[in-house]
Amino acid sequence: MSAQDASPVRLGLAGFGTVGQGLVSILTESSDWIERRLGRPVRVAAAAVRDPGKPRPVALPEGTRITANPLELAAAEDVDIVVELMGGLTSAYDLIRLALTSGKHVVTANKHLLAERGEELFALAAAKGVGLYYEASVCGGIPIVQTLKESLAGNHILAVTGILNGTSNFILSRMTKKGLSYAEALKKAQKKGYAEADPTLDVEGLDAAHKLIVLIRLAYGRDYPLAALPVTGVTAITPLDIAYAREFGCEVKLIGQAKMADGKIMAGVHPMLLSKSYLLAQVSGAFNAVRVVGDAVGAVMLYGQGAGGRPTGSAVLADIMALARDGAAPNNTGFPEKTLPSAELLPHEEETSRRYFRFTVEDKPGVLAALAKALGDVGISIYQAVQKVDPDTADESIVPIVFMTHQARQRDVDAALEKIRAFPFVKAEPMHLRVL
């Protein structure tokens, strides 16, 4: 496609769910504005739809060719850009691979596929000289991909920290503001449509992990293996932990973070305590936010809707327009290499951060001292301790003891917890959270 060519940009749309309908609604309502910005119209030439007769709030444009086989889009002569919005790993992979092999540009919102097989697909796109764009794969309508790829390209990125999953953020926000249990907050999220019937990907931190892998590739020009990323979800968080966090002036958030440590990448997805003074701590509901620290620009934060048909459709359209402008020299990863080098990882056990511990123990003399000694024996320094009766327990002889610590290595945390679990006065699995 030539940037000076006034002929329409012809799309092959695979998948017509929430995001596909959002994209089509924007194309329909803003067609004149899009053509003015781009210099040429954007049209849906063909669409692969599983059930063409299914009632939908948004209809495909008149004249759209319908097919039941998405692979047909990859070789179709009337398609310039294949837009993959089906999700999943198998059919989406087959379509994207065939489209790239056929010399077609691809736009996708599929962060799971990019996290699992991005290295292979980006290498193929580079070999074929075509674009594989994916702004919508991370944080919906927030332009974090383009920001890292272009706007901050001259910076060494020191850290990327974000609330990358709206479902978990909604759940934690409801637990914080309404005092709900995790189970009650999850039901609210499902009722509002923020959580699936099976919410595993969201609440176990896996969705955020997929997005973080994509961001690491953009920020550092390295491929970080998904299997090596430490991930913890929000299912074990209790109202008690949230209450203690607030006593310490903190909020609990599911955070995806990557940063440089001793020349290596330290990364993970975990629930963390954040000081209320942090902007990220103030992001509530189903919203997302990403904070990027560059060596030249300093700290930059992007905030907005991380999901939804129109916000995500807006990001898909941005990629389509970018490819229509610079498709002759696509910028897929933000780096010129056809294959990005593997990341040098900081071993998980060497990760350091401040820590929050909550121990459920018998209320008797010497318990607090024994816990403190177990932490101190491995070099973990305590700067604050709290002991009080849990108002929700019927047994006043069992109490929570909470410690906030200075910086501690993960290997020392693991060693201390192994020892503490064996104490006879410990009556439940210890709770351990990182402190940002």
Protein backbone atom coordinates (compact mmCIF):
# COMPACT_ATOMS: atom_id res chain seq x y z
CA MET A 1 0.00 0.00 0.00
CA SER A 2 1.29 3.43 -0.88
CA ALA A 3 0.69 6.32 1.51
CA GLN A 4 -0.22 8.44 -1.53
CA ASP A 5 -2.72 5.89 -2.82
CA ALA A 6 -6.29 7.19 -2.36
CA SER A 7 -7.88 3.78 -2.86
CA PRO A 8 -9.65 2.29 0.17
CA VAL A 9 -7.79 0.32 2.81
CA ARG A 10 -9.54 -3.03 2.59
CA LEU A 11 -9.90 -5.04 5.78
CA GLY A 12 -10.43 -8.75 6.29
CA LEU A 13 -12.09 -8.95 9.72
CA ALA A 14 -11.80 -12.26 11.58
CA GLY A 15 -14.16 -12.25 14.54
CA PHE A 16 -17.19 -10.04 15.08
CA GLY A 17 -17.63 -10.03 18.83
CA THR A 18 -17.44 -7.06 21.19
CA VAL A 19 -14.21 -5.60 19.78
CA GLY A 20 -15.08 -6.29 16.16
CA GLN A 21 -18.41 -4.54 16.61
CA GLY A 22 -16.67 -1.64 18.35
CA LEU A 23 -14.30 -1.28 15.41
CA VAL A 24 -17.11 -1.35 12.85
CA SER A 25 -19.17 1.19 14.79
CA ILE A 26 -16.23 3.63 14.79
CA LEU A 27 -15.57 3.04 11.08
CA THR A 28 -19.24 3.72 10.33
CA GLU A 29 -19.74 6.77 12.55
CA SER A 30 -16.40 8.45 11.85
CA SER A 31 -15.76 7.50 8.23
CA ASP A 32 -15.36 11.10 7.03
CA TRP A 33 -12.97 11.99 9.86
CA ILE A 34 -10.90 8.83 9.34
CA GLU A 35 -10.60 9.54 5.62
CA ARG A 36 -9.54 13.13 6.35
CA ARG A 37 -6.85 11.98 8.81
CA LEU A 38 -5.61 9.16 6.59
CA GLY A 39 -6.22 10.56 3.14
CA ARG A 40 -8.14 7.46 2.07
CA PRO A 41 -11.18 5.53 3.31
CA VAL A 42 -11.11 2.34 5.38
CA ARG A 43 -13.56 -0.39 4.42
CA VAL A 44 -14.43 -3.87 5.70
CA ALA A 45 -14.14 -5.90 2.52
CA ALA A 46 -14.64 -9.35 4.05
CA ALA A 47 -15.47 -10.83 7.42
CA ALA A 48 -15.16 -14.29 8.90
CA VAL A 49 -18.18 -14.75 11.15
CA ARG A 50 -19.07 -17.97 12.96
CA ASP A 51 -22.83 -17.28 12.94
CA PRO A 52 -23.84 -14.65 10.36
CA GLY A 53 -27.49 -14.84 11.43
CA LYS A 54 -26.86 -14.06 15.09
CA PRO A 55 -28.53 -10.81 16.19
CA ARG A 56 -25.92 -8.15 17.05
CA PRO A 57 -26.25 -4.52 18.14
CA VAL A 58 -23.88 -3.53 15.32
CA ALA A 59 -24.25 -4.81 11.76
CA LEU A 60 -21.48 -5.42 9.27
CA PRO A 61 -21.33 -2.73 6.57
CA GLU A 62 -23.46 -3.34 3.51
CA GLY A 63 -21.51 -5.17 0.83
CA THR A 64 -19.18 -7.00 3.22
CA ARG A 65 -18.35 -10.44 1.90
CA ILE A 66 -19.08 -13.06 4.56
CA THR A 67 -17.13 -16.29 5.01
CA ALA A 68 -17.21 -19.01 7.63
CA ASN A 69 -13.51 -19.79 7.12
CA PRO A 70 -11.13 -17.13 8.51
CA LEU A 71 -8.19 -18.64 6.59
CA GLU A 72 -9.80 -17.42 3.36
CA LEU A 73 -8.97 -13.86 4.42
CA ALA A 74 -5.24 -14.58 4.36
CA ALA A 75 -5.19 -15.17 0.60
CA ALA A 76 -8.09 -12.94 -0.48
CA GLU A 77 -7.16 -10.50 -3.24
CA ASP A 78 -9.65 -7.92 -1.92
CA VAL A 79 -7.99 -7.76 1.55
CA ASP A 80 -5.01 -5.52 2.36
CA ILE A 81 -4.93 -5.96 6.15
CA VAL A 82 -6.12 -8.99 8.13
CA VAL A 83 -7.64 -7.98 11.48
CA GLU A 84 -7.59 -10.91 13.91
CA LEU A 85 -10.12 -10.46 16.73
CA MET A 86 -11.06 -14.12 17.34
CA GLY A 87 -8.74 -14.69 20.29
CA GLY A 88 -7.37 -18.05 21.35
CA LEU A 89 -4.16 -19.77 20.32
CA THR A 90 -4.89 -22.27 17.55
CA SER A 91 -7.14 -20.77 14.85
CA ALA A 92 -5.74 -17.29 15.44
CA TYR A 93 -2.17 -18.57 15.05
CA ASP A 94 -3.04 -20.39 11.83
CA LEU A 95 -4.66 -17.26 10.41
CA ILE A 96 -1.89 -14.86 11.37
CA ARG A 97 0.86 -17.17 10.16
CA LEU A 98 -0.85 -17.74 6.82
CA ALA A 99 -1.58 -14.02 6.37
CA LEU A 100 2.04 -13.05 7.09
CA THR A 101 3.31 -15.81 4.79
CA SER A 102 1.00 -14.48 2.09
CA GLY A 103 2.53 -11.02 2.45
CA LYS A 104 -0.42 -9.38 4.20
CA HIS A 105 -0.24 -6.99 7.12
CA VAL A 106 -1.93 -8.16 10.33
CA VAL A 107 -3.53 -6.28 13.21
CA THR A 108 -4.37 -8.30 16.33
CA ALA A 109 -5.60 -7.83 19.88
CA ASN A 110 -4.39 -11.30 20.91
CA LYS A 111 -1.96 -10.77 23.81
CA HIS A 112 -2.04 -14.46 24.80
CA LEU A 113 -0.87 -15.56 21.36
CA LEU A 114 1.82 -12.85 21.24
CA ALA A 115 3.06 -13.83 24.69
CA GLU A 116 3.25 -17.53 23.75
CA ARG A 117 4.40 -17.35 20.12
CA GLY A 118 5.28 -13.74 19.45
CA GLU A 119 8.96 -14.47 18.84
CA GLU A 120 8.11 -16.77 15.93
CA LEU A 121 5.44 -14.51 14.44
CA PHE A 122 7.51 -11.33 14.63
CA ALA A 123 10.43 -13.11 12.95
CA LEU A 124 8.11 -14.24 10.16
CA ALA A 125 6.69 -10.72 9.72
CA ALA A 126 10.20 -9.30 9.52
CA ALA A 127 11.25 -11.90 6.96
CA LYS A 128 8.23 -11.07 4.80
CA GLY A 129 8.56 -7.30 5.27
CA VAL A 130 4.99 -6.92 6.55
CA GLY A 131 3.43 -5.44 9.64
CA LEU A 132 2.20 -7.28 12.72
CA TYR A 133 0.63 -4.55 14.87
CA TYR A 134 -0.96 -5.07 18.29
CA GLU A 135 -1.82 -1.84 20.12
CA ALA A 136 -5.11 -3.34 21.31
CA SER A 137 -3.39 -6.34 22.92
CA VAL A 138 -2.40 -4.39 26.05
CA CYS A 139 -4.77 -2.19 28.08
CA GLY A 140 -7.50 -1.72 25.48
CA GLY A 141 -7.68 1.90 24.40
CA ILE A 142 -4.54 3.05 26.24
CA PRO A 143 -1.80 3.75 23.62
CA ILE A 144 1.02 2.10 25.58
CA VAL A 145 2.38 0.04 22.65
CA GLN A 146 2.86 3.07 20.41
CA THR A 147 4.27 5.05 23.34
CA LEU A 148 7.01 2.49 23.96
CA LYS A 149 7.59 1.77 20.28
CA GLU A 150 7.80 5.37 19.07
CA SER A 151 7.35 8.18 21.58
CA LEU A 152 9.88 6.88 24.13
CA ALA A 153 12.17 5.15 21.63
CA GLY A 154 15.11 7.36 22.57
CA ASN A 155 14.90 6.41 26.25
CA HIS A 156 16.45 3.55 28.14
CA ILE A 157 13.40 2.24 29.97
CA LEU A 158 14.20 1.81 33.66
CA ALA A 159 10.85 0.39 34.75
CA VAL A 160 7.35 -0.47 33.50
CA THR A 161 4.74 -0.83 36.22
CA GLY A 162 1.04 -1.23 35.65
CA ILE A 163 -2.45 -2.25 36.58
CA LEU A 164 -2.94 -4.41 33.51
CA ASN A 165 -6.15 -6.29 34.29
CA GLY A 166 -9.42 -4.47 34.84
CA THR A 167 -11.29 -7.44 36.29
CA SER A 168 -8.87 -7.92 39.17
CA ASN A 169 -8.71 -4.18 39.76
CA PHE A 170 -12.51 -4.01 39.96
CA ILE A 171 -12.57 -6.88 42.46
CA LEU A 172 -9.90 -5.33 44.69
CA SER A 173 -11.57 -1.92 44.45
CA ARG A 174 -14.90 -3.38 45.61
CA MET A 175 -13.20 -5.25 48.45
CA THR A 176 -11.53 -1.99 49.50
CA LYS A 177 -14.47 0.39 49.19
CA LYS A 178 -17.35 -1.90 50.16
CA GLY A 179 -15.64 -4.33 52.53
CA LEU A 180 -16.67 -7.29 50.37
CA SER A 181 -15.02 -10.68 50.46
CA TYR A 182 -13.19 -11.88 47.37
CA ALA A 183 -16.10 -14.20 46.47
CA GLU A 184 -18.66 -11.40 46.83
CA ALA A 185 -16.60 -8.97 44.75
CA LEU A 186 -16.10 -11.60 42.04
CA LYS A 187 -19.87 -12.09 41.80
CA LYS A 188 -20.30 -8.33 41.37
CA ALA A 189 -17.69 -8.34 38.61
CA GLN A 190 -19.45 -11.21 36.83
CA LYS A 191 -22.84 -9.52 37.15
CA LYS A 192 -21.47 -6.35 35.54
CA GLY A 193 -19.80 -8.32 32.75
CA TYR A 194 -16.23 -7.52 33.85
CA ALA A 195 -15.48 -11.16 34.74
CA GLU A 196 -16.13 -14.31 32.73
CA ALA A 197 -18.02 -17.29 34.12
CA ASP A 198 -14.56 -18.86 34.39
CA PRO A 199 -12.44 -15.91 35.59
CA THR A 200 -9.19 -17.87 35.93
CA LEU A 201 -7.14 -15.91 33.39
CA ASP A 202 -7.97 -12.64 35.11
CA VAL A 203 -7.93 -13.46 38.81
CA GLU A 204 -4.89 -15.76 38.69
CA GLY A 205 -2.83 -13.00 37.06
CA LEU A 206 -2.38 -14.79 33.72
CA ASP A 207 -4.00 -12.11 31.56
CA ALA A 208 -1.74 -9.48 33.13
CA ALA A 209 1.25 -11.79 32.57
CA HIS A 210 0.51 -12.03 28.84
CA LYS A 211 0.38 -8.25 28.61
CA LEU A 212 3.57 -7.81 30.61
CA ILE A 213 5.48 -10.11 28.25
CA VAL A 214 4.39 -7.89 25.34
CA LEU A 215 5.50 -4.76 27.21
CA ILE A 216 8.89 -6.24 28.10
CA ARG A 217 9.56 -6.93 24.42
CA LEU A 218 8.73 -3.32 23.56
CA ALA A 219 10.56 -1.71 26.48
CA TYR A 220 13.79 -3.72 26.42
CA GLY A 221 14.04 -5.28 22.97
CA ARG A 222 14.31 -8.73 24.52
CA ASP A 223 12.15 -11.85 24.46
CA TYR A 224 11.19 -12.89 27.98
CA PRO A 225 9.79 -16.45 28.15
CA LEU A 226 6.27 -16.52 29.55
CA ALA A 227 7.00 -19.74 31.45
CA ALA A 228 9.77 -18.00 33.42
CA LEU A 229 7.59 -15.13 34.62
CA PRO A 230 6.56 -15.42 38.31
CA VAL A 231 2.81 -14.85 38.63
CA THR A 232 0.48 -14.63 41.65
CA GLY A 233 -3.23 -13.83 41.44
CA VAL A 234 -5.68 -12.12 43.80
CA THR A 235 -7.74 -15.10 44.97
CA ALA A 236 -6.07 -15.30 48.40
CA ILE A 237 -6.50 -11.60 49.27
CA THR A 238 -8.83 -11.07 52.23
CA PRO A 239 -10.65 -8.02 53.62
CA LEU A 240 -8.31 -8.31 56.61
CA ASP A 241 -5.25 -7.78 54.41
CA ILE A 242 -6.90 -4.82 52.74
CA ALA A 243 -7.75 -3.33 56.14
CA TYR A 244 -4.17 -3.72 57.35
CA ALA A 245 -2.88 -2.21 54.11
CA ARG A 246 -5.04 0.84 54.69
CA GLU A 247 -3.67 1.17 58.23
CA PHE A 248 -0.23 1.39 56.65
CA GLY A 249 -1.50 4.04 54.20
CA CYS A 250 -1.59 1.62 51.29
CA GLU A 251 -3.96 0.08 48.74
CA VAL A 252 -3.72 -3.49 47.41
CA LYS A 253 -3.42 -3.74 43.61
CA LEU A 254 -2.50 -6.49 41.15
CA ILE A 255 0.68 -5.13 39.60
CA GLY A 256 2.68 -6.22 36.57
CA GLN A 257 6.21 -4.87 36.74
CA ALA A 258 9.47 -5.14 34.83
CA LYS A 259 12.64 -3.24 35.64
CA MET A 260 16.37 -3.46 35.23
CA ALA A 261 18.35 -4.84 38.16
CA ASP A 262 22.11 -5.38 37.87
CA GLY A 263 21.81 -5.36 34.08
CA LYS A 264 19.13 -8.07 34.13
CA ILE A 265 15.35 -7.90 33.83
CA MET A 266 13.40 -8.41 37.05
CA ALA A 267 9.74 -9.00 36.27
CA GLY A 268 6.57 -10.48 37.71
CA VAL A 269 2.84 -10.14 38.31
CA HIS A 270 1.76 -10.02 41.97
CA PRO A 271 -0.69 -8.36 44.35
CA MET A 272 1.22 -5.51 45.99
CA LEU A 273 0.75 -2.85 48.61
CA LEU A 274 1.03 0.64 47.11
CA SER A 275 1.24 3.86 49.09
CA LYS A 276 -1.92 5.92 48.62
CA SER A 277 0.31 8.77 47.46
CA TYR A 278 1.09 6.83 44.26
CA LEU A 279 -1.11 7.66 41.27
CA LEU A 280 -1.41 3.95 40.50
CA ALA A 281 -2.98 3.39 43.91
CA GLN A 282 -5.80 5.74 42.93
CA VAL A 283 -6.80 3.76 39.84
CA SER A 284 -10.09 2.07 40.73
CA GLY A 285 -12.81 0.01 39.12
CA ALA A 286 -12.19 -1.73 35.80
CA PHE A 287 -9.64 0.83 34.64
CA ASN A 288 -6.01 0.20 33.68
CA ALA A 289 -2.90 2.33 34.04
CA VAL A 290 0.77 1.95 33.11
CA ARG A 291 3.67 3.93 34.56
CA VAL A 292 6.86 4.04 32.49
CA VAL A 293 10.16 5.46 33.74
CA GLY A 294 12.69 6.47 31.10
CA ASP A 295 16.20 7.72 31.69
CA ALA A 296 15.51 10.93 29.76
CA VAL A 297 11.79 11.57 30.11
CA GLY A 298 11.44 10.48 33.75
CA ALA A 299 8.08 9.05 34.84
CA VAL A 300 5.08 8.97 32.46
CA MET A 301 1.69 7.44 33.27
CA LEU A 302 -1.09 6.43 30.88
CA TYR A 303 -4.58 5.75 32.25
CA GLY A 304 -7.88 4.71 30.74
CA GLN A 305 -10.31 1.97 29.86
CA GLY A 306 -8.50 -1.32 29.50
CA ALA A 307 -11.30 -3.19 27.76
CA GLY A 308 -14.61 -2.70 26.01
CA GLY A 309 -15.67 -2.71 22.39
CA ARG A 310 -15.12 0.91 21.43
CA PRO A 311 -11.95 1.63 23.46
CA THR A 312 -10.29 -1.54 22.15
CA GLY A 313 -11.72 -0.97 18.68
CA SER A 314 -10.11 2.49 18.77
CA ALA A 315 -6.71 0.88 19.36
CA VAL A 316 -7.29 -1.61 16.52
CA LEU A 317 -8.16 1.26 14.19
CA ALA A 318 -5.02 3.16 15.20
CA ASP A 319 -2.93 0.19 14.03
CA ILE A 320 -4.86 -0.06 10.77
CA MET A 321 -4.25 3.62 10.05
CA ALA A 322 -0.57 3.35 11.00
CA LEU A 323 -0.07 0.43 8.62
CA ALA A 324 -1.90 2.27 5.86
CA ARG A 325 0.57 5.16 6.30
CA ASP A 326 3.85 3.28 6.73
CA GLY A 327 3.10 -0.23 5.54
CA ALA A 328 6.12 -0.20 3.23
CA ALA A 329 8.39 -0.07 6.28
CA PRO A 330 6.42 -1.47 9.22
CA ASN A 331 7.72 -1.05 12.76
CA ASN A 332 6.58 -4.18 14.55
CA THR A 333 8.70 -4.37 17.69
CA GLY A 334 10.36 -0.97 17.79
CA PHE A 335 13.75 -2.58 17.04
CA PRO A 336 15.38 -3.31 13.66
CA GLU A 337 16.46 -6.89 14.41
CA LYS A 338 14.48 -9.59 12.67
CA THR A 339 14.77 -11.73 15.80
CA LEU A 340 15.07 -10.13 19.22
CA PRO A 341 17.70 -11.58 21.55
CA SER A 342 16.64 -13.51 24.63
CA ALA A 343 16.32 -11.55 27.85
CA GLU A 344 18.88 -12.02 30.59
CA LEU A 345 16.70 -12.71 33.60
CA LEU A 346 17.33 -11.85 37.21
CA PRO A 347 16.76 -15.16 39.04
CA HIS A 348 13.43 -15.12 40.85
CA GLU A 349 15.09 -15.88 44.17
CA GLU A 350 17.21 -12.72 43.84
CA GLU A 351 14.18 -10.42 43.47
CA THR A 352 14.09 -7.74 46.18
CA SER A 353 11.30 -5.57 47.55
CA ARG A 354 9.77 -4.51 50.81
CA ARG A 355 7.35 -7.08 52.22
CA TYR A 356 4.08 -7.47 54.10
CA PHE A 357 3.59 -10.61 56.20
CA ARG A 358 0.45 -11.71 58.06
CA PHE A 359 0.67 -14.70 60.39
CA THR A 360 -2.33 -16.33 62.07
CA VAL A 361 -1.07 -17.59 65.43
CA GLU A 362 -1.96 -18.58 68.97
CA ASP A 363 -2.07 -15.59 71.29
CA LYS A 364 0.59 -16.51 73.85
CA PRO A 365 3.89 -15.12 75.09
CA GLY A 366 6.95 -15.46 72.87
CA VAL A 367 5.12 -15.86 69.56
CA LEU A 368 5.90 -12.42 68.20
CA ALA A 369 9.56 -12.75 69.23
CA ALA A 370 9.85 -16.18 67.57
CA LEU A 371 8.41 -14.87 64.31
CA ALA A 372 10.68 -11.83 64.36
CA LYS A 373 13.70 -14.05 65.02
CA ALA A 374 12.82 -16.36 62.11
CA LEU A 375 12.78 -13.36 59.80
CA GLY A 376 15.90 -11.84 61.34
CA ASP A 377 17.85 -15.10 61.06
CA VAL A 378 17.73 -14.81 57.26
CA GLY A 379 18.46 -11.10 57.24
CA ILE A 380 14.94 -9.70 56.90
CA SER A 381 14.64 -6.47 58.87
CA ILE A 382 11.27 -5.45 60.36
CA TYR A 383 10.31 -1.80 60.56
CA GLN A 384 6.72 -2.12 61.80
CA ALA A 385 4.68 -4.77 63.63
CA VAL A 386 0.95 -4.87 64.48
CA GLN A 387 -0.92 -7.37 66.65
CA LYS A 388 -4.64 -7.16 67.36
CA VAL A 389 -7.69 -9.39 67.58
CA ASP A 390 -9.39 -10.11 64.27
CA PRO A 391 -13.01 -8.91 64.77
CA ASP A 392 -14.28 -11.56 62.36
CA THR A 393 -12.89 -14.54 64.27
CA ALA A 394 -14.88 -16.37 66.93
CA ASP A 395 -11.73 -17.62 68.68
CA GLU A 396 -9.97 -14.78 70.50
CA SER A 397 -7.06 -17.07 71.29
CA ILE A 398 -6.08 -16.92 67.59
CA VAL A 399 -4.75 -13.55 66.42
CA PRO A 400 -3.11 -12.07 63.34
CA ILE A 401 0.38 -10.64 63.59
CA VAL A 402 1.48 -8.36 60.77
CA PHE A 403 5.00 -7.28 59.88
CA MET A 404 6.13 -4.69 57.36
CA THR A 405 9.77 -5.14 56.42
CA HIS A 406 12.61 -3.34 54.73
CA GLN A 407 13.97 -4.68 51.41
CA ALA A 408 14.14 -8.47 51.40
CA ARG A 409 15.33 -11.03 48.85
CA GLN A 410 12.87 -13.66 47.67
CA ARG A 411 15.22 -16.50 48.64
CA ASP A 412 15.27 -15.18 52.22
CA VAL A 413 11.49 -14.81 52.23
CA ASP A 414 11.11 -18.42 51.07
CA ALA A 415 13.53 -19.67 53.72
CA ALA A 416 11.79 -17.76 56.51
CA LEU A 417 8.32 -18.93 55.46
CA GLU A 418 9.45 -22.56 55.31
CA LYS A 419 10.65 -22.32 58.90
CA ILE A 420 7.60 -20.38 60.14
CA ARG A 421 5.11 -22.82 58.64
CA ALA A 422 6.56 -25.52 60.89
CA PHE A 423 5.95 -23.58 64.13
CA PRO A 424 3.19 -25.31 66.13
CA PHE A 425 1.58 -21.98 67.07
CA VAL A 426 1.01 -21.02 63.39
CA LYS A 427 -2.59 -21.95 62.59
CA ALA A 428 -3.00 -20.96 58.93
CA GLU A 429 -0.95 -20.49 55.79
CA PRO A 430 1.01 -17.23 56.12
CA MET A 431 0.07 -14.34 53.84
CA HIS A 432 2.95 -12.62 52.06
CA LEU A 433 2.67 -9.61 49.75
CA ARG A 434 5.21 -7.37 48.10
CA VAL A 435 5.28 -3.65 48.81
CA LEU A 436 5.92 -1.38 45.84
